[in-house]
Amino acid sequence: MATPPGQQSAQPYGQPPTIIINNSSSAAASYVGGAGLRLRRQSLWVHFWLFMFTAGMGNVLYGMHVSRWNRDRGL
């Protein structure tokens, strides 16, 4: 539908709102680039060999180490 030549179209709402999305924390957590901020995951094979050689005590220490590493870096 076109407006007649001497009339302006009515804009009932004015300008659309400015939307700012701040996802800095989630973007940093999922970033896998060169900054080195990657989530360190526990290895199944490390747990297997630690269980074989340390009767499970090494598994506890390794799990604590990986969890502390991730927590210190905010991941």
PDB file of N, CA and C in Angstrom:
ATOM      1  N   MET A   1       0.837  -1.162   0.000  1.00  0.00           N
ATOM      2  CA  MET A   1       0.000   0.000   0.000  1.00  0.00           C
ATOM      3  C   MET A   1       0.889   1.233   0.000  1.00  0.00           C
ATOM      4  N   ALA A   2       0.713   2.089  -0.945  1.00  0.00           N
ATOM      5  CA  ALA A   2       1.538   3.283  -1.090  1.00  0.00           C
ATOM      6  C   ALA A   2       0.853   4.487  -0.461  1.00  0.00           C
ATOM      7  N   THR A   3       1.645   5.430   0.040  1.00  0.00           N
ATOM      8  CA  THR A   3       1.080   6.660   0.598  1.00  0.00           C
ATOM      9  C   THR A   3       0.918   7.686  -0.520  1.00  0.00           C
ATOM     10  N   PRO A   4      -0.074   8.545  -0.424  1.00  0.00           N
ATOM     11  CA  PRO A   4      -0.255   9.585  -1.438  1.00  0.00           C
ATOM     12  C   PRO A   4       0.933  10.533  -1.474  1.00  0.00           C
ATOM     13  N   PRO A   5       1.202  11.203  -2.589  1.00  0.00           N
ATOM     14  CA  PRO A   5       2.398  12.024  -2.740  1.00  0.00           C
ATOM     15  C   PRO A   5       2.518  13.175  -1.744  1.00  0.00           C
ATOM     16  N   GLY A   6       1.580  13.686  -1.143  1.00  0.00           N
ATOM     17  CA  GLY A   6       1.741  14.818  -0.220  1.00  0.00           C
ATOM     18  C   GLY A   6       1.771  14.405   1.237  1.00  0.00           C
ATOM     19  N   GLN A   7       1.707  13.147   1.532  1.00  0.00           N
ATOM     20  CA  GLN A   7       1.622  12.687   2.913  1.00  0.00           C
ATOM     21  C   GLN A   7       2.829  11.840   3.277  1.00  0.00           C
ATOM     22  N   GLN A   8       3.190  11.938   4.547  1.00  0.00           N
ATOM     23  CA  GLN A   8       4.247  11.061   5.050  1.00  0.00           C
ATOM     24  C   GLN A   8       3.600   9.869   5.738  1.00  0.00           C
ATOM     25  N   SER A   9       4.299   8.765   5.726  1.00  0.00           N
ATOM     26  CA  SER A   9       3.748   7.589   6.391  1.00  0.00           C
ATOM     27  C   SER A   9       3.864   7.753   7.898  1.00  0.00           C
ATOM     28  N   ALA A  10       2.881   7.273   8.602  1.00  0.00           N
ATOM     29  CA  ALA A  10       2.872   7.380  10.062  1.00  0.00           C
ATOM     30  C   ALA A  10       3.690   6.242  10.653  1.00  0.00           C
ATOM     31  N   GLN A  11       4.595   6.580  11.561  1.00  0.00           N
ATOM     32  CA  GLN A  11       5.371   5.575  12.265  1.00  0.00           C
ATOM     33  C   GLN A  11       4.909   5.579  13.705  1.00  0.00           C
ATOM     34  N   PRO A  12       4.090   4.619  14.096  1.00  0.00           N
ATOM     35  CA  PRO A  12       3.497   4.658  15.434  1.00  0.00           C
ATOM     36  C   PRO A  12       4.503   4.398  16.558  1.00  0.00           C
ATOM     37  N   TYR A  13       5.630   3.750  16.285  1.00  0.00           N
ATOM     38  CA  TYR A  13       6.526   3.358  17.362  1.00  0.00           C
ATOM     39  C   TYR A  13       7.832   4.143  17.398  1.00  0.00           C
ATOM     40  N   GLY A  14       8.124   4.933  16.452  1.00  0.00           N
ATOM     41  CA  GLY A  14       9.389   5.663  16.443  1.00  0.00           C
ATOM     42  C   GLY A  14      10.533   4.744  16.027  1.00  0.00           C
ATOM     43  N   GLN A  15      11.699   4.965  16.624  1.00  0.00           N
ATOM     44  CA  GLN A  15      12.859   4.152  16.276  1.00  0.00           C
ATOM     45  C   GLN A  15      12.862   2.854  17.066  1.00  0.00           C
ATOM     46  N   PRO A  16      13.403   1.796  16.463  1.00  0.00           N
ATOM     47  CA  PRO A  16      13.480   0.536  17.201  1.00  0.00           C
ATOM     48  C   PRO A  16      14.493   0.656  18.344  1.00  0.00           C
ATOM     49  N   PRO A  17      14.292  -0.096  19.408  1.00  0.00           N
ATOM     50  CA  PRO A  17      15.209  -0.004  20.554  1.00  0.00           C
ATOM     51  C   PRO A  17      16.586  -0.557  20.218  1.00  0.00           C
ATOM     52  N   THR A  18      17.591  -0.028  20.885  1.00  0.00           N
ATOM     53  CA  THR A  18      18.950  -0.534  20.733  1.00  0.00           C
ATOM     54  C   THR A  18      19.116  -1.726  21.668  1.00  0.00           C
ATOM     55  N   ILE A  19      19.526  -2.840  21.113  1.00  0.00           N
ATOM     56  CA  ILE A  19      19.683  -4.061  21.892  1.00  0.00           C
ATOM     57  C   ILE A  19      21.165  -4.351  22.033  1.00  0.00           C
ATOM     58  N   ILE A  20      21.623  -4.449  23.276  1.00  0.00           N
ATOM     59  CA  ILE A  20      23.022  -4.756  23.556  1.00  0.00           C
ATOM     60  C   ILE A  20      23.056  -6.071  24.323  1.00  0.00           C
ATOM     61  N   ILE A  21      23.771  -7.022  23.776  1.00  0.00           N
ATOM     62  CA  ILE A  21      23.900  -8.324  24.430  1.00  0.00           C
ATOM     63  C   ILE A  21      25.334  -8.440  24.919  1.00  0.00           C
ATOM     64  N   ASN A  22      25.488  -8.594  26.230  1.00  0.00           N
ATOM     65  CA  ASN A  22      26.817  -8.688  26.824  1.00  0.00           C
ATOM     66  C   ASN A  22      27.042 -10.129  27.258  1.00  0.00           C
ATOM     67  N   ASN A  23      27.698 -10.895  26.428  1.00  0.00           N
ATOM     68  CA  ASN A  23      27.991 -12.294  26.728  1.00  0.00           C
ATOM     69  C   ASN A  23      29.490 -12.501  26.913  1.00  0.00           C
ATOM     70  N   SER A  24      30.144 -11.592  27.561  1.00  0.00           N
ATOM     71  CA  SER A  24      31.599 -11.689  27.660  1.00  0.00           C
ATOM     72  C   SER A  24      32.034 -12.913  28.452  1.00  0.00           C
ATOM     73  N   SER A  25      31.303 -13.275  29.508  1.00  0.00           N
ATOM     74  CA  SER A  25      31.743 -14.419  30.302  1.00  0.00           C
ATOM     75  C   SER A  25      31.517 -15.728  29.555  1.00  0.00           C
ATOM     76  N   SER A  26      30.367 -15.888  28.908  1.00  0.00           N
ATOM     77  CA  SER A  26      30.135 -17.139  28.202  1.00  0.00           C
ATOM     78  C   SER A  26      30.969 -17.219  26.929  1.00  0.00           C
ATOM     79  N   ALA A  27      31.242 -16.082  26.307  1.00  0.00           N
ATOM     80  CA  ALA A  27      32.073 -16.100  25.110  1.00  0.00           C
ATOM     81  C   ALA A  27      33.508 -16.487  25.459  1.00  0.00           C
ATOM     82  N   ALA A  28      33.995 -16.024  26.594  1.00  0.00           N
ATOM     83  CA  ALA A  28      35.351 -16.367  27.000  1.00  0.00           C
ATOM     84  C   ALA A  28      35.453 -17.843  27.379  1.00  0.00           C
ATOM     85  N   ALA A  29      34.408 -18.373  27.958  1.00  0.00           N
ATOM     86  CA  ALA A  29      34.448 -19.769  28.372  1.00  0.00           C
ATOM     87  C   ALA A  29      34.419 -20.705  27.169  1.00  0.00           C
ATOM     88  N   SER A  30      33.770 -20.290  26.090  1.00  0.00           N
ATOM     89  CA  SER A  30      33.704 -21.168  24.939  1.00  0.00           C
ATOM     90  C   SER A  30      34.803 -20.882  23.920  1.00  0.00           C
ATOM     91  N   TYR A  31      35.608 -19.881  24.148  1.00  0.00           N
ATOM     92  CA  TYR A  31      36.673 -19.526  23.217  1.00  0.00           C
ATOM     93  C   TYR A  31      37.786 -20.562  23.295  1.00  0.00           C
ATOM     94  N   VAL A  32      38.183 -21.081  22.148  1.00  0.00           N
ATOM     95  CA  VAL A  32      39.209 -22.120  22.109  1.00  0.00           C
ATOM     96  C   VAL A  32      40.391 -21.615  21.297  1.00  0.00           C
ATOM     97  N   GLY A  33      40.670 -20.343  21.375  1.00  0.00           N
ATOM     98  CA  GLY A  33      41.721 -19.755  20.551  1.00  0.00           C
ATOM     99  C   GLY A  33      43.087 -19.816  21.194  1.00  0.00           C
ATOM    100  N   GLY A  34      43.932 -18.873  20.836  1.00  0.00           N
ATOM    101  CA  GLY A  34      45.309 -18.884  21.275  1.00  0.00           C
ATOM    102  C   GLY A  34      45.545 -18.346  22.667  1.00  0.00           C
ATOM    103  N   ALA A  35      44.522 -17.919  23.368  1.00  0.00           N
ATOM    104  CA  ALA A  35      44.707 -17.355  24.699  1.00  0.00           C
ATOM    105  C   ALA A  35      45.036 -18.424  25.736  1.00  0.00           C
ATOM    106  N   GLY A  36      44.738 -19.664  25.434  1.00  0.00           N
ATOM    107  CA  GLY A  36      45.058 -20.745  26.354  1.00  0.00           C
ATOM    108  C   GLY A  36      44.023 -20.950  27.437  1.00  0.00           C
ATOM    109  N   LEU A  37      42.862 -20.315  27.340  1.00  0.00           N
ATOM    110  CA  LEU A  37      41.820 -20.492  28.338  1.00  0.00           C
ATOM    111  C   LEU A  37      40.885 -21.610  27.907  1.00  0.00           C
ATOM    112  N   ARG A  38      41.378 -22.817  27.994  1.00  0.00           N
ATOM    113  CA  ARG A  38      40.563 -23.970  27.624  1.00  0.00           C
ATOM    114  C   ARG A  38      40.270 -24.772  28.867  1.00  0.00           C
ATOM    115  N   LEU A  39      39.100 -25.365  28.871  1.00  0.00           N
ATOM    116  CA  LEU A  39      38.706 -26.231  29.969  1.00  0.00           C
ATOM    117  C   LEU A  39      39.560 -27.488  29.923  1.00  0.00           C
ATOM    118  N   ARG A  40      40.245 -27.755  31.009  1.00  0.00           N
ATOM    119  CA  ARG A  40      41.067 -28.964  31.060  1.00  0.00           C
ATOM    120  C   ARG A  40      40.172 -30.123  31.464  1.00  0.00           C
ATOM    121  N   ARG A  41      40.187 -31.158  30.670  1.00  0.00           N
ATOM    122  CA  ARG A  41      39.339 -32.318  30.924  1.00  0.00           C
ATOM    123  C   ARG A  41      40.176 -33.449  31.497  1.00  0.00           C
ATOM    124  N   GLN A  42      39.503 -34.308  32.257  1.00  0.00           N
ATOM    125  CA  GLN A  42      40.197 -35.431  32.855  1.00  0.00           C
ATOM    126  C   GLN A  42      40.298 -36.559  31.839  1.00  0.00           C
ATOM    127  N   SER A  43      41.452 -37.205  31.824  1.00  0.00           N
ATOM    128  CA  SER A  43      41.728 -38.244  30.842  1.00  0.00           C
ATOM    129  C   SER A  43      41.393 -39.621  31.407  1.00  0.00           C
ATOM    130  N   LEU A  44      40.674 -40.388  30.617  1.00  0.00           N
ATOM    131  CA  LEU A  44      40.332 -41.749  31.025  1.00  0.00           C
ATOM    132  C   LEU A  44      41.589 -42.602  31.188  1.00  0.00           C
ATOM    133  N   TRP A  45      42.551 -42.436  30.269  1.00  0.00           N
ATOM    134  CA  TRP A  45      43.767 -43.254  30.338  1.00  0.00           C
ATOM    135  C   TRP A  45      44.635 -42.883  31.529  1.00  0.00           C
ATOM    136  N   VAL A  46      44.697 -41.633  31.882  1.00  0.00           N
ATOM    137  CA  VAL A  46      45.456 -41.247  33.078  1.00  0.00           C
ATOM    138  C   VAL A  46      44.818 -41.870  34.313  1.00  0.00           C
ATOM    139  N   HIS A  47      43.488 -41.827  34.384  1.00  0.00           N
ATOM    140  CA  HIS A  47      42.807 -42.457  35.516  1.00  0.00           C
ATOM    141  C   HIS A  47      43.054 -43.963  35.547  1.00  0.00           C
ATOM    142  N   PHE A  48      43.058 -44.594  34.396  1.00  0.00           N
ATOM    143  CA  PHE A  48      43.293 -46.036  34.347  1.00  0.00           C
ATOM    144  C   PHE A  48      44.669 -46.383  34.902  1.00  0.00           C
ATOM    145  N   TRP A  49      45.707 -45.710  34.407  1.00  0.00           N
ATOM    146  CA  TRP A  49      47.067 -46.030  34.854  1.00  0.00           C
ATOM    147  C   TRP A  49      47.296 -45.632  36.313  1.00  0.00           C
ATOM    148  N   LEU A  50      46.694 -44.530  36.733  1.00  0.00           N
ATOM    149  CA  LEU A  50      46.815 -44.166  38.143  1.00  0.00           C
ATOM    150  C   LEU A  50      46.138 -45.207  39.036  1.00  0.00           C
ATOM    151  N   PHE A  51      45.006 -45.719  38.602  1.00  0.00           N
ATOM    152  CA  PHE A  51      44.337 -46.752  39.376  1.00  0.00           C
ATOM    153  C   PHE A  51      45.195 -48.015  39.457  1.00  0.00           C
ATOM    154  N   MET A  52      45.847 -48.369  38.342  1.00  0.00           N
ATOM    155  CA  MET A  52      46.666 -49.576  38.320  1.00  0.00           C
ATOM    156  C   MET A  52      47.900 -49.447  39.216  1.00  0.00           C
ATOM    157  N   PHE A  53      48.505 -48.252  39.245  1.00  0.00           N
ATOM    158  CA  PHE A  53      49.773 -48.100  39.961  1.00  0.00           C
ATOM    159  C   PHE A  53      49.658 -47.481  41.354  1.00  0.00           C
ATOM    160  N   THR A  54      48.542 -46.816  41.655  1.00  0.00           N
ATOM    161  CA  THR A  54      48.454 -46.147  42.962  1.00  0.00           C
ATOM    162  C   THR A  54      47.242 -46.582  43.760  1.00  0.00           C
ATOM    163  N   ALA A  55      46.546 -47.628  43.331  1.00  0.00           N
ATOM    164  CA  ALA A  55      45.378 -48.178  44.027  1.00  0.00           C
ATOM    165  C   ALA A  55      44.298 -47.123  44.257  1.00  0.00           C
ATOM    166  N   GLY A  56      44.143 -46.190  43.336  1.00  0.00           N
ATOM    167  CA  GLY A  56      43.064 -45.212  43.416  1.00  0.00           C
ATOM    168  C   GLY A  56      43.415 -43.885  44.053  1.00  0.00           C
ATOM    169  N   MET A  57      44.494 -43.832  44.850  1.00  0.00           N
ATOM    170  CA  MET A  57      44.851 -42.568  45.509  1.00  0.00           C
ATOM    171  C   MET A  57      45.326 -41.536  44.485  1.00  0.00           C
ATOM    172  N   GLY A  58      45.997 -41.964  43.445  1.00  0.00           N
ATOM    173  CA  GLY A  58      46.435 -41.041  42.404  1.00  0.00           C
ATOM    174  C   GLY A  58      45.257 -40.447  41.651  1.00  0.00           C
ATOM    175  N   ASN A  59      44.160 -41.223  41.522  1.00  0.00           N
ATOM    176  CA  ASN A  59      42.968 -40.716  40.853  1.00  0.00           C
ATOM    177  C   ASN A  59      42.385 -39.531  41.611  1.00  0.00           C
ATOM    178  N   VAL A  60      42.361 -39.629  42.913  1.00  0.00           N
ATOM    179  CA  VAL A  60      41.819 -38.545  43.736  1.00  0.00           C
ATOM    180  C   VAL A  60      42.672 -37.291  43.568  1.00  0.00           C
ATOM    181  N   LEU A  61      43.978 -37.442  43.634  1.00  0.00           N
ATOM    182  CA  LEU A  61      44.868 -36.285  43.501  1.00  0.00           C
ATOM    183  C   LEU A  61      44.800 -35.677  42.102  1.00  0.00           C
ATOM    184  N   TYR A  62      44.729 -36.538  41.075  1.00  0.00           N
ATOM    185  CA  TYR A  62      44.633 -36.041  39.698  1.00  0.00           C
ATOM    186  C   TYR A  62      43.314 -35.296  39.483  1.00  0.00           C
ATOM    187  N   GLY A  63      42.215 -35.832  39.994  1.00  0.00           N
ATOM    188  CA  GLY A  63      40.923 -35.169  39.880  1.00  0.00           C
ATOM    189  C   GLY A  63      40.916 -33.825  40.576  1.00  0.00           C
ATOM    190  N   MET A  64      41.533 -33.754  41.758  1.00  0.00           N
ATOM    191  CA  MET A  64      41.620 -32.473  42.481  1.00  0.00           C
ATOM    192  C   MET A  64      42.466 -31.475  41.706  1.00  0.00           C
ATOM    193  N   HIS A  65      43.547 -31.946  41.108  1.00  0.00           N
ATOM    194  CA  HIS A  65      44.427 -31.064  40.338  1.00  0.00           C
ATOM    195  C   HIS A  65      43.688 -30.449  39.148  1.00  0.00           C
ATOM    196  N   VAL A  66      42.975 -31.263  38.385  1.00  0.00           N
ATOM    197  CA  VAL A  66      42.262 -30.764  37.206  1.00  0.00           C
ATOM    198  C   VAL A  66      41.133 -29.821  37.617  1.00  0.00           C
ATOM    199  N   SER A  67      40.401 -30.164  38.658  1.00  0.00           N
ATOM    200  CA  SER A  67      39.315 -29.297  39.124  1.00  0.00           C
ATOM    201  C   SER A  67      39.847 -27.956  39.613  1.00  0.00           C
ATOM    202  N   ARG A  68      40.957 -27.968  40.349  1.00  0.00           N
ATOM    203  CA  ARG A  68      41.550 -26.721  40.841  1.00  0.00           C
ATOM    204  C   ARG A  68      42.064 -25.879  39.679  1.00  0.00           C
ATOM    205  N   TRP A  69      42.655 -26.508  38.665  1.00  0.00           N
ATOM    206  CA  TRP A  69      43.159 -25.792  37.496  1.00  0.00           C
ATOM    207  C   TRP A  69      42.035 -25.058  36.790  1.00  0.00           C
ATOM    208  N   ASN A  70      40.897 -25.740  36.592  1.00  0.00           N
ATOM    209  CA  ASN A  70      39.742 -25.112  35.943  1.00  0.00           C
ATOM    210  C   ASN A  70      39.151 -24.006  36.805  1.00  0.00           C
ATOM    211  N   ARG A  71      39.038 -24.236  38.118  1.00  0.00           N
ATOM    212  CA  ARG A  71      38.452 -23.248  39.015  1.00  0.00           C
ATOM    213  C   ARG A  71      39.299 -21.999  39.098  1.00  0.00           C
ATOM    214  N   ASP A  72      40.612 -22.134  39.146  1.00  0.00           N
ATOM    215  CA  ASP A  72      41.507 -20.968  39.229  1.00  0.00           C
ATOM    216  C   ASP A  72      41.425 -20.092  37.994  1.00  0.00           C
ATOM    217  N   ARG A  73      41.090 -20.682  36.876  1.00  0.00           N
ATOM    218  CA  ARG A  73      40.994 -19.911  35.634  1.00  0.00           C
ATOM    219  C   ARG A  73      39.567 -19.494  35.315  1.00  0.00           C
ATOM    220  N   GLY A  74      38.638 -19.778  36.223  1.00  0.00           N
ATOM    221  CA  GLY A  74      37.258 -19.373  36.038  1.00  0.00           C
ATOM    222  C   GLY A  74      36.527 -20.123  34.952  1.00  0.00           C
ATOM    223  N   LEU A  75      36.928 -21.355  34.704  1.00  0.00           N
ATOM    224  CA  LEU A  75      36.290 -22.142  33.639  1.00  0.00           C
ATOM    225  C   LEU A  75      35.344 -23.163  34.200  1.00  0.00           C
TER     226      LEU A  75
END
